[in-house]
């Protein structure tokens, strides 16, 4: 077993790159590479997580997003976090695809708080998701009307929103100041109202619930 998490970092701005690397190292995360060739670096260094800006060379367009899609396809066990300077819900949907586990999408301005980035790394490595709340709000605006989500109570919607951000039931209870048992009841209600079969595993139903929430 590795003594520390290993990260590959993709960021073309030296100051930002060194700042992110310093945050990671201060938390005991080993930054094994800080490069533009993310796919090759993932093959060579076998990282636990790849963290990249959306816009990296050579085109400075969506090359980072393209790279993590390839990494997820070839190495599904590798967690990924995409950092974006601008809110773009279509990029987030493209990244999540049909499985949000092990995926993070954060606005760069939030990474100024080191704990947000470290929490996101821990979530995605644990196969949860870490989606920026502002991204969640934008994705909600894309939902079609008249769907089962409209039957959820306000508290159930709060719980589902926190599920989408990658929180466990314990984490949700701490956020909402309620008991874990109360969260579990809300989660069960969410599954029932969204028609998610009890024959599926709890983890699978959480993923499906989050995808419904994101408008998939």
C-alpha atoms as a PDB file:
ATOM      1  CA  UNK A   1       0.000   0.000   0.000  1.00  0.00           C
ATOM      2  CA  UNK A   2       1.260   3.469  -0.842  1.00  0.00           C
ATOM      3  CA  UNK A   3       2.270   5.708   2.025  1.00  0.00           C
ATOM      4  CA  UNK A   4       0.789   8.801   0.371  1.00  0.00           C
ATOM      5  CA  UNK A   5      -1.508   9.725  -2.483  1.00  0.00           C
ATOM      6  CA  UNK A   6       0.154  10.411  -5.817  1.00  0.00           C
ATOM      7  CA  UNK A   7      -1.034  13.259  -8.033  1.00  0.00           C
ATOM      8  CA  UNK A   8      -0.326  14.411 -11.576  1.00  0.00           C
ATOM      9  CA  UNK A   9      -0.966  18.115 -12.129  1.00  0.00           C
ATOM     10  CA  UNK A  10      -1.772  19.815 -15.430  1.00  0.00           C
ATOM     11  CA  UNK A  11      -1.568  23.625 -15.375  1.00  0.00           C
ATOM     12  CA  UNK A  12       0.213  25.886 -17.875  1.00  0.00           C
ATOM     13  CA  UNK A  13       0.525  28.971 -15.632  1.00  0.00           C
ATOM     14  CA  UNK A  14       3.667  28.511 -13.491  1.00  0.00           C
ATOM     15  CA  UNK A  15       2.448  30.563 -10.519  1.00  0.00           C
ATOM     16  CA  UNK A  16      -0.870  28.742 -10.344  1.00  0.00           C
ATOM     17  CA  UNK A  17       0.821  25.376 -10.896  1.00  0.00           C
ATOM     18  CA  UNK A  18       3.295  25.922  -8.068  1.00  0.00           C
ATOM     19  CA  UNK A  19       0.550  27.201  -5.785  1.00  0.00           C
ATOM     20  CA  UNK A  20      -1.616  24.117  -6.305  1.00  0.00           C
ATOM     21  CA  UNK A  21       1.399  21.832  -5.965  1.00  0.00           C
ATOM     22  CA  UNK A  22       2.325  23.526  -2.678  1.00  0.00           C
ATOM     23  CA  UNK A  23      -1.220  23.015  -1.320  1.00  0.00           C
ATOM     24  CA  UNK A  24      -1.109  19.339  -2.223  1.00  0.00           C
ATOM     25  CA  UNK A  25       2.365  18.747  -0.799  1.00  0.00           C
ATOM     26  CA  UNK A  26       1.488  20.541   2.430  1.00  0.00           C
ATOM     27  CA  UNK A  27      -1.258  17.953   2.911  1.00  0.00           C
ATOM     28  CA  UNK A  28       1.078  15.033   2.312  1.00  0.00           C
ATOM     29  CA  UNK A  29       0.099  14.404  -1.309  1.00  0.00           C
ATOM     30  CA  UNK A  30       3.015  13.475  -3.564  1.00  0.00           C
ATOM     31  CA  UNK A  31       2.973  15.544  -6.784  1.00  0.00           C
ATOM     32  CA  UNK A  32       4.793  13.110  -9.060  1.00  0.00           C
ATOM     33  CA  UNK A  33       4.478  15.227 -12.229  1.00  0.00           C
ATOM     34  CA  UNK A  34       3.352  18.699 -13.277  1.00  0.00           C
ATOM     35  CA  UNK A  35       3.079  18.508 -17.032  1.00  0.00           C
ATOM     36  CA  UNK A  36       0.985  19.182 -20.137  1.00  0.00           C
ATOM     37  CA  UNK A  37       1.115  15.595 -21.459  1.00  0.00           C
ATOM     38  CA  UNK A  38      -1.382  14.268 -18.943  1.00  0.00           C
ATOM     39  CA  UNK A  39      -2.263  10.999 -20.670  1.00  0.00           C
ATOM     40  CA  UNK A  40       1.391   9.985 -20.949  1.00  0.00           C
ATOM     41  CA  UNK A  41       2.099  11.094 -17.378  1.00  0.00           C
ATOM     42  CA  UNK A  42      -0.809   8.995 -16.090  1.00  0.00           C
ATOM     43  CA  UNK A  43       0.611   5.957 -17.861  1.00  0.00           C
ATOM     44  CA  UNK A  44       4.124   6.541 -16.546  1.00  0.00           C
ATOM     45  CA  UNK A  45       3.411   7.547 -12.945  1.00  0.00           C
ATOM     46  CA  UNK A  46       0.233   5.597 -12.059  1.00  0.00           C
ATOM     47  CA  UNK A  47      -1.263   8.462  -9.999  1.00  0.00           C
ATOM     48  CA  UNK A  48      -4.222   8.195  -7.651  1.00  0.00           C
ATOM     49  CA  UNK A  49      -5.589  11.475  -8.973  1.00  0.00           C
ATOM     50  CA  UNK A  50      -5.080  13.753 -11.974  1.00  0.00           C
ATOM     51  CA  UNK A  51      -5.800  17.453 -11.429  1.00  0.00           C
ATOM     52  CA  UNK A  52      -5.894  19.737 -14.444  1.00  0.00           C
ATOM     53  CA  UNK A  53      -7.086  23.036 -15.777  1.00  0.00           C
ATOM     54  CA  UNK A  54      -9.553  22.686 -18.648  1.00  0.00           C
ATOM     55  CA  UNK A  55      -7.384  24.878 -20.859  1.00  0.00           C
ATOM     56  CA  UNK A  56      -3.870  23.519 -21.278  1.00  0.00           C
ATOM     57  CA  UNK A  57      -1.479  23.387 -24.263  1.00  0.00           C
ATOM     58  CA  UNK A  58      -1.267  22.794 -27.119  1.00  0.00           C
ATOM     59  CA  UNK A  59      -4.558  24.474 -28.094  1.00  0.00           C
ATOM     60  CA  UNK A  60      -5.437  26.126 -24.779  1.00  0.00           C
ATOM     61  CA  UNK A  61      -9.038  25.131 -25.398  1.00  0.00           C
ATOM     62  CA  UNK A  62     -10.512  22.039 -23.737  1.00  0.00           C
ATOM     63  CA  UNK A  63      -7.338  19.945 -23.921  1.00  0.00           C
ATOM     64  CA  UNK A  64      -7.393  19.189 -20.184  1.00  0.00           C
ATOM     65  CA  UNK A  65     -10.949  17.897 -20.415  1.00  0.00           C
ATOM     66  CA  UNK A  66     -10.060  15.783 -23.429  1.00  0.00           C
ATOM     67  CA  UNK A  67      -7.091  14.341 -21.558  1.00  0.00           C
ATOM     68  CA  UNK A  68      -9.031  13.313 -18.445  1.00  0.00           C
ATOM     69  CA  UNK A  69     -11.724  11.705 -20.588  1.00  0.00           C
ATOM     70  CA  UNK A  70      -9.024   9.550 -22.175  1.00  0.00           C
ATOM     71  CA  UNK A  71      -7.509   8.796 -18.777  1.00  0.00           C
ATOM     72  CA  UNK A  72     -10.888   7.752 -17.354  1.00  0.00           C
ATOM     73  CA  UNK A  73     -11.484   5.464 -20.319  1.00  0.00           C
ATOM     74  CA  UNK A  74      -8.061   3.805 -20.068  1.00  0.00           C
ATOM     75  CA  UNK A  75      -7.630   3.942 -16.279  1.00  0.00           C
ATOM     76  CA  UNK A  76     -11.065   4.028 -14.593  1.00  0.00           C
ATOM     77  CA  UNK A  77      -9.431   3.593 -11.183  1.00  0.00           C
ATOM     78  CA  UNK A  78      -7.698   6.996 -11.530  1.00  0.00           C
ATOM     79  CA  UNK A  79      -9.669   9.844  -9.988  1.00  0.00           C
ATOM     80  CA  UNK A  80      -9.796  13.164 -11.861  1.00  0.00           C
ATOM     81  CA  UNK A  81     -10.434  16.783 -10.918  1.00  0.00           C
ATOM     82  CA  UNK A  82     -10.913  19.488 -13.535  1.00  0.00           C
ATOM     83  CA  UNK A  83     -10.378  23.124 -12.594  1.00  0.00           C
ATOM     84  CA  UNK A  84     -12.139  25.830 -14.560  1.00  0.00           C
ATOM     85  CA  UNK A  85     -11.824  29.590 -14.509  1.00  0.00           C
ATOM     86  CA  UNK A  86     -15.341  29.966 -15.889  1.00  0.00           C
ATOM     87  CA  UNK A  87     -18.612  28.221 -15.081  1.00  0.00           C
ATOM     88  CA  UNK A  88     -19.614  26.003 -17.998  1.00  0.00           C
ATOM     89  CA  UNK A  89     -22.271  23.387 -17.242  1.00  0.00           C
ATOM     90  CA  UNK A  90     -21.744  21.636 -20.578  1.00  0.00           C
ATOM     91  CA  UNK A  91     -18.120  20.875 -19.655  1.00  0.00           C
ATOM     92  CA  UNK A  92     -19.258  19.441 -16.311  1.00  0.00           C
ATOM     93  CA  UNK A  93     -21.845  17.205 -17.969  1.00  0.00           C
ATOM     94  CA  UNK A  94     -19.275  16.075 -20.507  1.00  0.00           C
ATOM     95  CA  UNK A  95     -16.849  15.179 -17.747  1.00  0.00           C
ATOM     96  CA  UNK A  96     -19.364  13.352 -15.559  1.00  0.00           C
ATOM     97  CA  UNK A  97     -20.783  11.291 -18.431  1.00  0.00           C
ATOM     98  CA  UNK A  98     -22.842   8.451 -16.992  1.00  0.00           C
ATOM     99  CA  UNK A  99     -20.753   7.942 -13.864  1.00  0.00           C
ATOM    100  CA  UNK A 100     -19.847  10.775 -11.464  1.00  0.00           C
ATOM    101  CA  UNK A 101     -17.813   8.554  -9.139  1.00  0.00           C
ATOM    102  CA  UNK A 102     -14.180   9.605  -8.846  1.00  0.00           C
ATOM    103  CA  UNK A 103     -14.833  12.901 -10.633  1.00  0.00           C
ATOM    104  CA  UNK A 104     -14.398  16.481  -9.453  1.00  0.00           C
ATOM    105  CA  UNK A 105     -15.171  19.784 -11.165  1.00  0.00           C
ATOM    106  CA  UNK A 106     -14.168  22.935  -9.283  1.00  0.00           C
ATOM    107  CA  UNK A 107     -14.042  26.617 -10.107  1.00  0.00           C
ATOM    108  CA  UNK A 108     -10.487  27.920  -9.789  1.00  0.00           C
ATOM    109  CA  UNK A 109     -11.538  30.774  -7.524  1.00  0.00           C
ATOM    110  CA  UNK A 110     -12.614  28.228  -4.894  1.00  0.00           C
ATOM    111  CA  UNK A 111      -9.200  26.545  -4.903  1.00  0.00           C
ATOM    112  CA  UNK A 112      -7.836  29.653  -3.209  1.00  0.00           C
ATOM    113  CA  UNK A 113      -9.108  27.875  -0.102  1.00  0.00           C
ATOM    114  CA  UNK A 114      -6.694  24.929   0.305  1.00  0.00           C
ATOM    115  CA  UNK A 115      -9.163  22.836   2.282  1.00  0.00           C
ATOM    116  CA  UNK A 116     -11.670  22.847  -0.593  1.00  0.00           C
ATOM    117  CA  UNK A 117      -9.095  21.314  -2.922  1.00  0.00           C
ATOM    118  CA  UNK A 118      -7.894  18.765  -0.381  1.00  0.00           C
ATOM    119  CA  UNK A 119     -11.455  17.758   0.488  1.00  0.00           C
ATOM    120  CA  UNK A 120     -12.168  17.311  -3.228  1.00  0.00           C
ATOM    121  CA  UNK A 121      -9.085  15.122  -3.676  1.00  0.00           C
ATOM    122  CA  UNK A 122     -10.091  12.940  -0.746  1.00  0.00           C
ATOM    123  CA  UNK A 123     -13.630  12.560  -2.091  1.00  0.00           C
ATOM    124  CA  UNK A 124     -12.716  11.589  -5.627  1.00  0.00           C
ATOM    125  CA  UNK A 125     -10.008   9.171  -4.522  1.00  0.00           C
ATOM    126  CA  UNK A 126     -12.681   7.534  -2.324  1.00  0.00           C
ATOM    127  CA  UNK A 127     -14.798   7.213  -5.513  1.00  0.00           C
ATOM    128  CA  UNK A 128     -17.251   9.931  -4.502  1.00  0.00           C
ATOM    129  CA  UNK A 129     -17.810  13.045  -6.591  1.00  0.00           C
ATOM    130  CA  UNK A 130     -16.747  16.625  -5.869  1.00  0.00           C
ATOM    131  CA  UNK A 131     -18.806  19.033  -7.941  1.00  0.00           C
ATOM    132  CA  UNK A 132     -18.709  22.750  -7.209  1.00  0.00           C
ATOM    133  CA  UNK A 133     -22.050  23.970  -5.776  1.00  0.00           C
ATOM    134  CA  UNK A 134     -22.174  26.723  -8.419  1.00  0.00           C
ATOM    135  CA  UNK A 135     -21.822  24.062 -11.115  1.00  0.00           C
ATOM    136  CA  UNK A 136     -24.652  22.081  -9.520  1.00  0.00           C
ATOM    137  CA  UNK A 137     -26.851  25.190  -9.631  1.00  0.00           C
ATOM    138  CA  UNK A 138     -26.063  25.728 -13.314  1.00  0.00           C
ATOM    139  CA  UNK A 139     -26.824  22.106 -14.117  1.00  0.00           C
ATOM    140  CA  UNK A 140     -30.157  22.361 -12.336  1.00  0.00           C
ATOM    141  CA  UNK A 141     -31.084  25.185 -14.679  1.00  0.00           C
ATOM    142  CA  UNK A 142     -30.778  22.745 -17.577  1.00  0.00           C
ATOM    143  CA  UNK A 143     -33.325  20.289 -16.225  1.00  0.00           C
ATOM    144  CA  UNK A 144     -36.488  19.545 -18.139  1.00  0.00           C
ATOM    145  CA  UNK A 145     -39.808  20.406 -16.416  1.00  0.00           C
ATOM    146  CA  UNK A 146     -42.245  17.799 -15.132  1.00  0.00           C
ATOM    147  CA  UNK A 147     -39.941  15.156 -13.747  1.00  0.00           C
ATOM    148  CA  UNK A 148     -39.905  13.100 -10.534  1.00  0.00           C
ATOM    149  CA  UNK A 149     -37.482  15.541  -8.943  1.00  0.00           C
ATOM    150  CA  UNK A 150     -40.398  17.918  -8.553  1.00  0.00           C
ATOM    151  CA  UNK A 151     -41.968  15.504  -6.058  1.00  0.00           C
ATOM    152  CA  UNK A 152     -39.050  15.810  -3.643  1.00  0.00           C
ATOM    153  CA  UNK A 153     -39.493  17.825  -0.471  1.00  0.00           C
ATOM    154  CA  UNK A 154     -37.209  20.822   0.110  1.00  0.00           C
ATOM    155  CA  UNK A 155     -35.200  18.790   2.640  1.00  0.00           C
ATOM    156  CA  UNK A 156     -34.865  15.876   0.210  1.00  0.00           C
ATOM    157  CA  UNK A 157     -33.606  18.291  -2.432  1.00  0.00           C
ATOM    158  CA  UNK A 158     -31.033  19.603   0.041  1.00  0.00           C
ATOM    159  CA  UNK A 159     -29.891  16.060   0.755  1.00  0.00           C
ATOM    160  CA  UNK A 160     -29.716  15.205  -2.941  1.00  0.00           C
ATOM    161  CA  UNK A 161     -27.743  18.377  -3.671  1.00  0.00           C
ATOM    162  CA  UNK A 162     -25.178  17.396  -1.040  1.00  0.00           C
ATOM    163  CA  UNK A 163     -25.075  13.856  -2.443  1.00  0.00           C
ATOM    164  CA  UNK A 164     -24.253  15.387  -5.830  1.00  0.00           C
ATOM    165  CA  UNK A 165     -21.378  17.306  -4.242  1.00  0.00           C
ATOM    166  CA  UNK A 166     -19.997  13.971  -3.024  1.00  0.00           C
ATOM    167  CA  UNK A 167     -20.954  14.024   0.660  1.00  0.00           C
ATOM    168  CA  UNK A 168     -21.583  10.778   2.527  1.00  0.00           C
ATOM    169  CA  UNK A 169     -24.634  10.392   4.770  1.00  0.00           C
ATOM    170  CA  UNK A 170     -22.453  11.360   7.728  1.00  0.00           C
ATOM    171  CA  UNK A 171     -21.173  14.419   5.876  1.00  0.00           C
ATOM    172  CA  UNK A 172     -24.731  15.421   4.950  1.00  0.00           C
ATOM    173  CA  UNK A 173     -25.855  15.089   8.573  1.00  0.00           C
ATOM    174  CA  UNK A 174     -23.058  17.440   9.623  1.00  0.00           C
ATOM    175  CA  UNK A 175     -23.942  19.955   6.918  1.00  0.00           C
ATOM    176  CA  UNK A 176     -27.674  19.973   7.769  1.00  0.00           C
ATOM    177  CA  UNK A 177     -27.287  19.516  11.552  1.00  0.00           C
ATOM    178  CA  UNK A 178     -29.526  16.446  11.623  1.00  0.00           C
ATOM    179  CA  UNK A 179     -28.934  12.829  12.623  1.00  0.00           C
ATOM    180  CA  UNK A 180     -27.506  10.256  10.238  1.00  0.00           C
ATOM    181  CA  UNK A 181     -30.743   8.279  10.684  1.00  0.00           C
ATOM    182  CA  UNK A 182     -32.726  11.292   9.458  1.00  0.00           C
ATOM    183  CA  UNK A 183     -30.480  11.574   6.410  1.00  0.00           C
ATOM    184  CA  UNK A 184     -30.956   7.875   5.699  1.00  0.00           C
ATOM    185  CA  UNK A 185     -34.736   8.352   5.766  1.00  0.00           C
ATOM    186  CA  UNK A 186     -34.456  11.244   3.312  1.00  0.00           C
ATOM    187  CA  UNK A 187     -32.193   9.193   1.039  1.00  0.00           C
ATOM    188  CA  UNK A 188     -34.700   6.319   1.068  1.00  0.00           C
ATOM    189  CA  UNK A 189     -37.473   8.778   0.186  1.00  0.00           C
ATOM    190  CA  UNK A 190     -35.391  10.121  -2.682  1.00  0.00           C
ATOM    191  CA  UNK A 191     -34.783   6.630  -4.078  1.00  0.00           C
ATOM    192  CA  UNK A 192     -38.489   5.801  -3.824  1.00  0.00           C
ATOM    193  CA  UNK A 193     -39.712   8.983  -5.506  1.00  0.00           C
ATOM    194  CA  UNK A 194     -37.170   8.628  -8.313  1.00  0.00           C
ATOM    195  CA  UNK A 195     -38.216   5.029  -8.890  1.00  0.00           C
ATOM    196  CA  UNK A 196     -34.809   3.544  -8.133  1.00  0.00           C
ATOM    197  CA  UNK A 197     -35.188  -0.168  -7.489  1.00  0.00           C
ATOM    198  CA  UNK A 198     -34.163  -1.657  -4.150  1.00  0.00           C
ATOM    199  CA  UNK A 199     -32.567  -4.518  -6.078  1.00  0.00           C
ATOM    200  CA  UNK A 200     -29.671  -2.192  -7.007  1.00  0.00           C
ATOM    201  CA  UNK A 201     -26.852  -1.521  -4.544  1.00  0.00           C
ATOM    202  CA  UNK A 202     -26.985   1.596  -2.413  1.00  0.00           C
ATOM    203  CA  UNK A 203     -23.910   3.035  -4.152  1.00  0.00           C
ATOM    204  CA  UNK A 204     -25.422   2.408  -7.586  1.00  0.00           C
ATOM    205  CA  UNK A 205     -28.690   4.069  -6.584  1.00  0.00           C
ATOM    206  CA  UNK A 206     -26.807   7.098  -5.271  1.00  0.00           C
ATOM    207  CA  UNK A 207     -25.044   7.455  -8.614  1.00  0.00           C
ATOM    208  CA  UNK A 208     -28.345   7.143 -10.505  1.00  0.00           C
ATOM    209  CA  UNK A 209     -30.015   9.672  -8.197  1.00  0.00           C
ATOM    210  CA  UNK A 210     -27.192  12.167  -8.745  1.00  0.00           C
ATOM    211  CA  UNK A 211     -27.409  11.707 -12.525  1.00  0.00           C
ATOM    212  CA  UNK A 212     -31.160  12.368 -12.420  1.00  0.00           C
ATOM    213  CA  UNK A 213     -30.452  15.455 -10.329  1.00  0.00           C
ATOM    214  CA  UNK A 214     -27.939  16.715 -12.884  1.00  0.00           C
ATOM    215  CA  UNK A 215     -30.536  16.417 -15.621  1.00  0.00           C
ATOM    216  CA  UNK A 216     -29.213  13.306 -17.394  1.00  0.00           C
END
